[in-house]
Amino acid sequence: PGMDLPTGTVLRLMKAIYGLRQSPLLWYLTAMSFFESIGFTKCTSDVCLLYFENSLGSIIVSVYVDDLTLSSTSQALIDWVLLLTRKRFPVRDVKPLVFTVGIHVKSESGFIRVSQKAYIEKMVNRFLQNTERKRKIPMATNFNLHDEESPLMSKPNGVKSYQQIIGSLNYLAHSTRPDILYAVNTLSRFLQNPRENHYEAAQHVVEYLNSSSELSITFRSVPGCINRLHAYCDASLTSINTPDGRSTSGCLVFYNNNMVYWKSARQTVVSLSTMESELEAITLAVHQLKHLQHILHELHRTVHETVIYSDSLIAIKYLLSESLMLKPRTRHLALRYHFVRKELQEGKVKIVHVPGQEQLADILTKPLSFPIFYKLRCELLE
């Protein structure tokens, strides 16, 4: 734009320009090449994570486009990396971490809190006409997802407005608010043809956030604690009736009792029983635990214990059985369940039964009444 060129002229690009399609890749390759040249090792399990260690200590660099977060046991190492980085790139806003990609980080002695109160307040002012209206839960337990009597959205730019709300909620749910993840994922299925009741449900989620904007995830240091990974996984076979009959899996992963991962997802297969849907959720948990094990291994952290908590006794019995239990009800199960059995038999993962009322992942699989929802939320957010 702004260049006066004869018709048919072709420009040869000598350097990547911000906004062009190849620019992000070229920037990534340039940044990684620089850090590897000064001794950093790029993690293969997460290619935006770099690690360096010497006699002074260790340092981890997390890259998010052009935002770098440095975490180290040594201030001297941080100063060394910043000195070399300034020689290669223009660097600004070097300060203790307070905000990163819209997330507020508060560090105090012994713990770190991450929250998005300012982001939520902007959402409320943007999408809510009545900012005084507040809700106790993100989705009503009697919400009819497939209410054919509800008309398709007819407001001008109604579909676009719905997509903007869901997009904003989706970022929030995956960043710091697992309590709204199930509701957001459910409403995301109707981005192209939302009905009026879907828009009202999205407004309901924002109204809930309006009453709970201060909630945060807290990471606490535990002196002398062995490195431990544990996950809660659950599935709901009859949460909300779906046309395709698929269940919903929920998974929460904790590292040294600090929540580091959460996921709510519609299953890729149709389960014929509760046991099958629970096995699918356990498989999801094992996949993520192995991924985190690989990351921690590359960061020179040894995981001493990996545990999965499930409330399905029949699924646990099937996985721990000495025989393959090739009976009419189970002989059709997919190979991924045998992958889980192998991990259990080799001792890489343990599976433990947890009572249903203590299953934290339940918040990710279906709408809950306020007393149950509040109890589980208090276990995850403060």
Protein backbone atom coordinates (compact mmCIF):
# COMPACT_ATOMS: atom_id res chain seq x y z
CA PRO A 1 0.00 0.00 0.00
CA GLY A 2 1.24 3.45 -0.91
CA MET A 3 3.59 2.36 -3.70
CA ASP A 4 2.92 3.65 -7.23
CA LEU A 5 3.93 0.83 -9.55
CA PRO A 6 3.35 0.16 -13.25
CA THR A 7 0.77 -2.51 -14.07
CA GLY A 8 2.22 -6.01 -14.11
CA THR A 9 5.21 -5.13 -11.92
CA VAL A 10 6.46 -7.91 -9.63
CA LEU A 11 8.26 -7.08 -6.38
CA ARG A 12 11.02 -9.24 -4.96
CA LEU A 13 10.84 -9.34 -1.16
CA MET A 14 14.30 -8.96 0.39
CA LYS A 15 13.18 -9.13 4.03
CA ALA A 16 10.10 -10.43 5.87
CA ILE A 17 7.51 -7.73 6.57
CA TYR A 18 5.15 -7.86 9.52
CA GLY A 19 1.76 -9.12 8.40
CA LEU A 20 2.89 -11.32 5.51
CA ARG A 21 2.10 -15.02 5.66
CA GLN A 22 5.68 -16.24 5.87
CA SER A 23 6.72 -13.70 8.52
CA PRO A 24 5.74 -15.74 11.63
CA LEU A 25 7.72 -18.76 10.43
CA LEU A 26 10.78 -16.68 9.55
CA TRP A 27 10.64 -14.91 12.91
CA TYR A 28 10.36 -18.25 14.72
CA LEU A 29 13.33 -19.72 12.82
CA THR A 30 15.38 -16.59 13.52
CA ALA A 31 14.57 -16.56 17.24
CA MET A 32 15.23 -20.29 17.67
CA SER A 33 18.50 -20.05 15.74
CA PHE A 34 19.67 -17.25 18.04
CA PHE A 35 18.84 -19.06 21.28
CA GLU A 36 20.41 -22.29 20.09
CA SER A 37 23.57 -20.36 19.11
CA ILE A 38 24.05 -19.20 22.71
CA GLY A 39 23.66 -22.69 24.14
CA PHE A 40 19.92 -23.20 24.69
CA THR A 41 18.24 -26.52 23.91
CA LYS A 42 14.82 -26.47 22.24
CA CYS A 43 12.32 -28.89 23.73
CA THR A 44 11.00 -31.35 21.20
CA SER A 45 7.76 -31.80 23.18
CA ASP A 46 7.05 -28.06 23.09
CA VAL A 47 8.94 -26.23 20.35
CA CYS A 48 8.35 -22.82 21.95
CA LEU A 49 10.17 -23.82 25.15
CA LEU A 50 13.95 -23.54 25.54
CA TYR A 51 16.20 -24.68 28.37
CA PHE A 52 19.74 -23.87 29.51
CA GLU A 53 21.74 -25.01 32.52
CA ASN A 54 25.23 -24.35 33.86
CA SER A 55 27.01 -23.97 37.20
CA LEU A 56 24.98 -20.84 38.03
CA GLY A 57 21.65 -22.64 37.73
CA SER A 58 19.01 -23.21 35.08
CA ILE A 59 16.83 -20.93 32.96
CA ILE A 60 13.70 -21.57 30.88
CA VAL A 61 12.58 -19.30 28.05
CA SER A 62 8.99 -19.44 26.83
CA VAL A 63 8.36 -17.85 23.42
CA TYR A 64 4.91 -16.54 22.45
CA VAL A 65 5.37 -14.73 19.10
CA ASP A 66 7.56 -11.79 20.19
CA ASP A 67 6.80 -12.04 23.93
CA LEU A 68 9.49 -13.85 25.91
CA THR A 69 9.08 -15.05 29.48
CA LEU A 70 12.26 -15.92 31.36
CA SER A 71 12.15 -18.15 34.45
CA SER A 72 15.36 -18.91 36.32
CA THR A 73 16.91 -19.89 39.63
CA SER A 74 19.60 -17.28 39.03
CA GLN A 75 19.29 -13.53 38.37
CA ALA A 76 22.79 -13.63 36.85
CA LEU A 77 21.56 -16.04 34.16
CA ILE A 78 18.61 -13.77 33.34
CA ASP A 79 20.94 -10.78 33.02
CA TRP A 80 23.26 -12.78 30.76
CA VAL A 81 20.44 -13.83 28.41
CA LEU A 82 19.06 -10.27 28.26
CA LEU A 83 22.53 -8.89 27.48
CA LEU A 84 22.97 -11.22 24.51
CA THR A 85 19.37 -10.76 23.34
CA ARG A 86 19.74 -6.96 23.29
CA LYS A 87 22.74 -7.32 21.02
CA ARG A 88 20.66 -9.25 18.49
CA PHE A 89 17.13 -7.81 18.78
CA PRO A 90 15.55 -4.56 19.96
CA VAL A 91 14.26 -5.36 23.46
CA ARG A 92 11.80 -3.36 25.55
CA ASP A 93 9.55 -3.77 28.62
CA VAL A 94 12.05 -5.84 30.58
CA LYS A 95 10.53 -6.14 34.04
CA PRO A 96 9.20 -8.68 36.52
CA LEU A 97 6.30 -10.57 35.00
CA VAL A 98 2.95 -8.88 35.67
CA PHE A 99 1.00 -9.28 32.40
CA THR A 100 1.55 -11.76 29.59
CA VAL A 101 -0.83 -12.31 26.64
CA GLY A 102 -3.74 -10.82 28.59
CA ILE A 103 -3.08 -12.83 31.77
CA HIS A 104 -2.33 -11.05 35.06
CA VAL A 105 0.44 -12.71 37.07
CA LYS A 106 0.82 -11.91 40.75
CA SER A 107 3.89 -13.30 42.51
CA GLU A 108 4.14 -13.46 46.27
CA SER A 109 6.21 -15.43 48.72
CA GLY A 110 5.51 -19.12 48.12
CA PHE A 111 2.87 -18.83 45.40
CA ILE A 112 1.86 -17.31 42.06
CA ARG A 113 -1.69 -16.31 41.07
CA VAL A 114 -2.84 -15.95 37.46
CA SER A 115 -6.14 -14.31 36.57
CA GLN A 116 -7.87 -12.25 33.87
CA LYS A 117 -10.09 -9.81 35.75
CA ALA A 118 -9.32 -6.89 33.43
CA TYR A 119 -10.05 -9.04 30.36
CA ILE A 120 -13.39 -10.14 31.84
CA GLU A 121 -14.39 -6.56 32.65
CA LYS A 122 -13.76 -5.58 29.02
CA MET A 123 -15.91 -8.50 27.88
CA VAL A 124 -18.74 -7.50 30.20
CA ASN A 125 -18.69 -3.89 28.98
CA ARG A 126 -18.57 -5.04 25.36
CA PHE A 127 -21.15 -7.81 25.29
CA LEU A 128 -23.58 -7.15 28.15
CA GLN A 129 -26.23 -4.48 27.99
CA ASN A 130 -27.24 -5.03 31.62
CA THR A 131 -23.94 -5.25 33.52
CA GLU A 132 -25.76 -5.55 36.85
CA ARG A 133 -27.12 -8.99 35.95
CA LYS A 134 -25.14 -11.86 37.48
CA ARG A 135 -25.35 -15.66 37.52
CA LYS A 136 -24.15 -18.34 39.93
CA ILE A 137 -23.39 -21.02 37.31
CA PRO A 138 -22.15 -20.74 33.69
CA MET A 139 -24.88 -22.98 32.17
CA ALA A 140 -28.33 -23.94 33.40
CA THR A 141 -28.78 -27.65 34.16
CA ASN A 142 -32.01 -27.75 32.13
CA PHE A 143 -30.59 -25.97 29.08
CA ASN A 144 -31.92 -27.49 25.84
CA LEU A 145 -29.04 -27.38 23.39
CA HIS A 146 -31.10 -28.54 20.42
CA ASP A 147 -34.30 -26.60 20.98
CA GLU A 148 -35.78 -26.57 17.48
CA GLU A 149 -38.50 -24.15 18.61
CA SER A 150 -35.94 -21.45 19.25
CA PRO A 151 -35.67 -19.31 16.07
CA LEU A 152 -32.44 -18.82 14.19
CA MET A 153 -30.74 -15.51 14.97
CA SER A 154 -32.36 -12.74 12.95
CA LYS A 155 -30.69 -9.65 14.45
CA PRO A 156 -28.37 -7.65 12.15
CA ASN A 157 -24.83 -9.01 12.63
CA GLY A 158 -26.30 -11.45 15.16
CA VAL A 159 -24.21 -14.40 13.99
CA LYS A 160 -21.04 -12.31 13.98
CA SER A 161 -21.78 -11.04 17.49
CA TYR A 162 -22.30 -14.62 18.69
CA GLN A 163 -18.99 -15.69 17.14
CA GLN A 164 -17.19 -12.79 18.83
CA ILE A 165 -18.59 -13.73 22.24
CA ILE A 166 -17.66 -17.39 21.85
CA GLY A 167 -14.18 -16.49 20.57
CA SER A 168 -13.53 -14.29 23.60
CA LEU A 169 -14.90 -16.91 25.99
CA ASN A 170 -12.85 -19.65 24.34
CA TYR A 171 -9.59 -17.81 24.95
CA LEU A 172 -10.56 -17.18 28.56
CA ALA A 173 -11.64 -20.80 29.18
CA HIS A 174 -8.32 -22.20 27.92
CA SER A 175 -6.18 -19.60 29.72
CA THR A 176 -7.37 -19.31 33.32
CA ARG A 177 -11.04 -20.35 33.65
CA PRO A 178 -11.66 -24.11 33.39
CA ASP A 179 -15.00 -23.61 35.16
CA ILE A 180 -16.58 -22.27 31.94
CA LEU A 181 -14.87 -24.67 29.53
CA TYR A 182 -17.74 -27.14 29.21
CA ALA A 183 -20.30 -24.41 28.50
CA VAL A 184 -18.03 -22.70 25.94
CA ASN A 185 -17.18 -25.93 24.11
CA THR A 186 -20.84 -26.86 23.95
CA LEU A 187 -21.88 -23.49 22.51
CA SER A 188 -18.96 -23.52 20.05
CA ARG A 189 -20.74 -26.21 18.03
CA PHE A 190 -23.18 -23.63 16.65
CA LEU A 191 -20.91 -20.86 15.36
CA GLN A 192 -22.32 -21.02 11.83
CA ASN A 193 -26.03 -21.29 12.62
CA PRO A 194 -26.74 -20.15 16.19
CA ARG A 195 -30.27 -19.91 17.50
CA GLU A 196 -31.63 -17.32 19.89
CA ASN A 197 -31.31 -19.72 22.84
CA HIS A 198 -27.61 -20.24 22.05
CA TYR A 199 -27.03 -16.48 22.12
CA GLU A 200 -28.89 -16.24 25.43
CA ALA A 201 -26.75 -19.09 26.82
CA ALA A 202 -23.58 -17.26 25.74
CA GLN A 203 -24.85 -14.14 27.51
CA HIS A 204 -25.50 -16.36 30.54
CA VAL A 205 -21.80 -17.34 30.62
CA VAL A 206 -20.72 -13.68 30.48
CA GLU A 207 -23.15 -12.84 33.29
CA TYR A 208 -21.60 -15.64 35.35
CA LEU A 209 -18.13 -14.21 34.71
CA ASN A 210 -19.43 -10.80 35.75
CA SER A 211 -20.07 -12.25 39.21
CA SER A 212 -16.76 -14.13 39.49
CA SER A 213 -14.17 -12.04 37.65
CA GLU A 214 -11.68 -12.12 40.52
CA LEU A 215 -11.18 -15.91 40.52
CA SER A 216 -7.63 -17.07 39.85
CA ILE A 217 -5.48 -20.17 39.52
CA THR A 218 -2.89 -20.45 42.29
CA PHE A 219 0.45 -22.21 41.97
CA ARG A 220 2.07 -23.03 45.31
CA SER A 221 5.61 -24.20 45.94
CA VAL A 222 5.89 -27.26 48.13
CA PRO A 223 9.37 -27.54 49.71
CA GLY A 224 10.71 -31.07 49.71
CA CYS A 225 7.84 -32.40 47.55
CA ILE A 226 8.68 -35.18 45.12
CA ASN A 227 7.81 -34.43 41.51
CA ARG A 228 4.35 -35.92 41.02
CA LEU A 229 1.79 -35.84 38.21
CA HIS A 230 -1.81 -36.80 38.79
CA ALA A 231 -4.94 -36.47 36.69
CA TYR A 232 -8.69 -36.60 37.25
CA CYS A 233 -10.66 -37.89 34.28
CA ASP A 234 -14.39 -38.36 33.82
CA ALA A 235 -16.98 -38.85 31.09
CA SER A 236 -20.66 -38.04 30.86
CA LEU A 237 -22.78 -40.34 28.75
CA THR A 238 -26.03 -38.37 29.14
CA SER A 239 -25.02 -34.77 29.86
CA ILE A 240 -26.95 -33.10 27.02
CA ASN A 241 -28.65 -35.12 24.29
CA THR A 242 -26.65 -34.80 21.10
CA PRO A 243 -27.75 -35.80 17.58
CA ASP A 244 -24.63 -37.90 17.07
CA GLY A 245 -24.84 -39.70 20.43
CA ARG A 246 -21.27 -38.89 21.45
CA SER A 247 -20.22 -38.48 25.08
CA THR A 248 -18.06 -35.77 26.64
CA SER A 249 -14.66 -36.37 28.23
CA GLY A 250 -13.13 -34.18 30.92
CA CYS A 251 -9.54 -34.18 32.15
CA LEU A 252 -7.65 -32.18 34.80
CA VAL A 253 -3.89 -32.61 35.29
CA PHE A 254 -1.94 -31.46 38.36
CA TYR A 255 1.81 -31.16 38.85
CA ASN A 256 2.77 -31.20 42.53
CA ASN A 257 -0.88 -30.40 43.37
CA ASN A 258 -0.93 -27.38 41.01
CA MET A 259 -3.39 -27.49 38.11
CA VAL A 260 -1.48 -27.20 34.82
CA TYR A 261 -3.86 -28.60 32.19
CA TRP A 262 -7.59 -29.01 31.61
CA LYS A 263 -9.67 -30.22 28.69
CA SER A 264 -13.31 -30.85 27.91
CA ALA A 265 -13.99 -32.48 24.56
CA ARG A 266 -16.69 -34.37 22.74
CA GLN A 267 -15.49 -37.91 22.14
CA THR A 268 -14.56 -39.01 18.64
CA VAL A 269 -16.43 -42.32 18.88
CA VAL A 270 -19.94 -43.29 19.96
CA SER A 271 -19.77 -45.19 23.25
CA LEU A 272 -22.17 -48.06 23.81
CA SER A 273 -21.85 -47.99 27.59
CA THR A 274 -20.66 -45.86 30.49
CA MET A 275 -17.54 -48.01 30.75
CA GLU A 276 -16.56 -47.25 27.17
CA SER A 277 -17.00 -43.51 27.62
CA GLU A 278 -14.91 -43.67 30.82
CA LEU A 279 -12.18 -45.60 28.99
CA GLU A 280 -12.08 -42.87 26.35
CA ALA A 281 -11.59 -40.26 29.09
CA ILE A 282 -8.82 -42.31 30.72
CA THR A 283 -7.07 -42.55 27.34
CA LEU A 284 -7.19 -38.76 27.02
CA ALA A 285 -5.60 -38.43 30.47
CA VAL A 286 -2.81 -40.90 29.67
CA HIS A 287 -1.96 -39.07 26.44
CA GLN A 288 -1.60 -35.76 28.25
CA LEU A 289 0.33 -37.23 31.17
CA LYS A 290 2.87 -38.76 28.78
CA HIS A 291 3.24 -35.42 27.01
CA LEU A 292 3.92 -33.63 30.30
CA GLN A 293 6.33 -36.37 31.35
CA HIS A 294 8.33 -35.75 28.17
CA ILE A 295 8.40 -31.98 28.76
CA LEU A 296 9.55 -32.41 32.38
CA HIS A 297 12.20 -34.90 31.28
CA GLU A 298 13.58 -32.39 28.78
CA LEU A 299 13.65 -29.79 31.57
CA HIS A 300 15.69 -32.26 33.65
CA ARG A 301 12.84 -32.93 36.10
CA THR A 302 12.31 -36.53 37.17
CA VAL A 303 8.68 -37.53 37.72
CA HIS A 304 8.53 -40.01 40.60
CA GLU A 305 4.82 -40.81 40.47
CA THR A 306 2.04 -40.56 37.86
CA VAL A 307 -1.53 -41.34 38.94
CA ILE A 308 -4.94 -41.23 37.26
CA TYR A 309 -8.10 -40.87 39.37
CA SER A 310 -11.28 -42.32 37.88
CA ASP A 311 -14.69 -42.91 39.44
CA SER A 312 -15.49 -45.88 37.17
CA LEU A 313 -14.84 -49.16 38.98
CA ILE A 314 -15.76 -51.25 35.93
CA ALA A 315 -13.30 -49.37 33.68
CA ILE A 316 -10.53 -49.79 36.26
CA LYS A 317 -11.35 -53.49 36.60
CA TYR A 318 -11.15 -53.94 32.83
CA LEU A 319 -7.81 -52.16 32.56
CA LEU A 320 -6.22 -54.01 35.48
CA SER A 321 -7.55 -57.45 34.58
CA GLU A 322 -4.93 -60.12 33.93
CA SER A 323 -7.00 -61.50 31.06
CA LEU A 324 -8.09 -59.50 28.03
CA MET A 325 -11.76 -60.01 28.99
CA LEU A 326 -12.70 -60.67 25.36
CA LYS A 327 -16.39 -60.92 26.01
CA PRO A 328 -19.23 -59.84 23.71
CA ARG A 329 -19.47 -56.48 25.48
CA THR A 330 -15.76 -55.61 25.32
CA ARG A 331 -14.16 -57.42 22.37
CA HIS A 332 -14.90 -54.53 19.99
CA LEU A 333 -12.91 -51.95 22.01
CA ALA A 334 -10.31 -50.03 20.06
CA LEU A 335 -6.55 -50.47 20.30
CA ARG A 336 -6.08 -47.24 22.26
CA TYR A 337 -7.44 -49.00 25.35
CA HIS A 338 -4.74 -51.65 25.00
CA PHE A 339 -2.25 -48.78 24.86
CA VAL A 340 -3.51 -47.67 28.28
CA ARG A 341 -3.31 -51.25 29.60
CA LYS A 342 0.33 -51.43 28.48
CA GLU A 343 1.19 -48.19 30.32
CA LEU A 344 -0.41 -49.56 33.49
CA GLN A 345 1.25 -52.97 33.23
CA GLU A 346 4.68 -51.39 32.77
CA GLY A 347 4.16 -49.26 35.87
CA LYS A 348 4.47 -45.94 34.02
CA VAL A 349 1.02 -44.89 35.23
CA LYS A 350 -1.16 -45.93 38.17
CA ILE A 351 -4.94 -45.81 38.21
CA VAL A 352 -6.88 -45.27 41.44
CA HIS A 353 -10.60 -45.20 42.15
CA VAL A 354 -12.05 -41.97 43.52
CA PRO A 355 -15.65 -41.56 44.74
CA GLY A 356 -17.96 -39.73 42.34
CA GLN A 357 -18.47 -36.78 44.71
CA GLU A 358 -14.68 -36.22 44.76
CA GLN A 359 -14.24 -36.42 40.97
CA LEU A 360 -12.98 -32.92 40.10
CA ALA A 361 -13.24 -33.49 36.35
CA ASP A 362 -17.04 -33.69 36.66
CA ILE A 363 -17.12 -29.91 36.18
CA LEU A 364 -15.88 -30.43 32.60
CA THR A 365 -18.44 -32.98 31.45
CA LYS A 366 -21.93 -31.57 32.09
CA PRO A 367 -23.91 -28.66 33.58
CA LEU A 368 -24.03 -28.92 37.37
CA SER A 369 -26.32 -27.52 40.04
CA PHE A 370 -24.90 -24.66 42.08
CA PRO A 371 -23.96 -26.60 45.26
CA ILE A 372 -21.98 -29.25 43.34
CA PHE A 373 -20.51 -26.72 40.90
CA TYR A 374 -19.42 -24.39 43.71
CA LYS A 375 -17.77 -27.22 45.64
CA LEU A 376 -15.71 -28.32 42.62
CA ARG A 377 -14.87 -24.77 41.59
CA CYS A 378 -13.41 -24.07 45.03
CA GLU A 379 -11.02 -26.98 44.49
CA LEU A 380 -9.71 -25.44 41.24
CA LEU A 381 -9.95 -21.67 41.61
CA GLU A 382 -9.58 -19.19 44.45
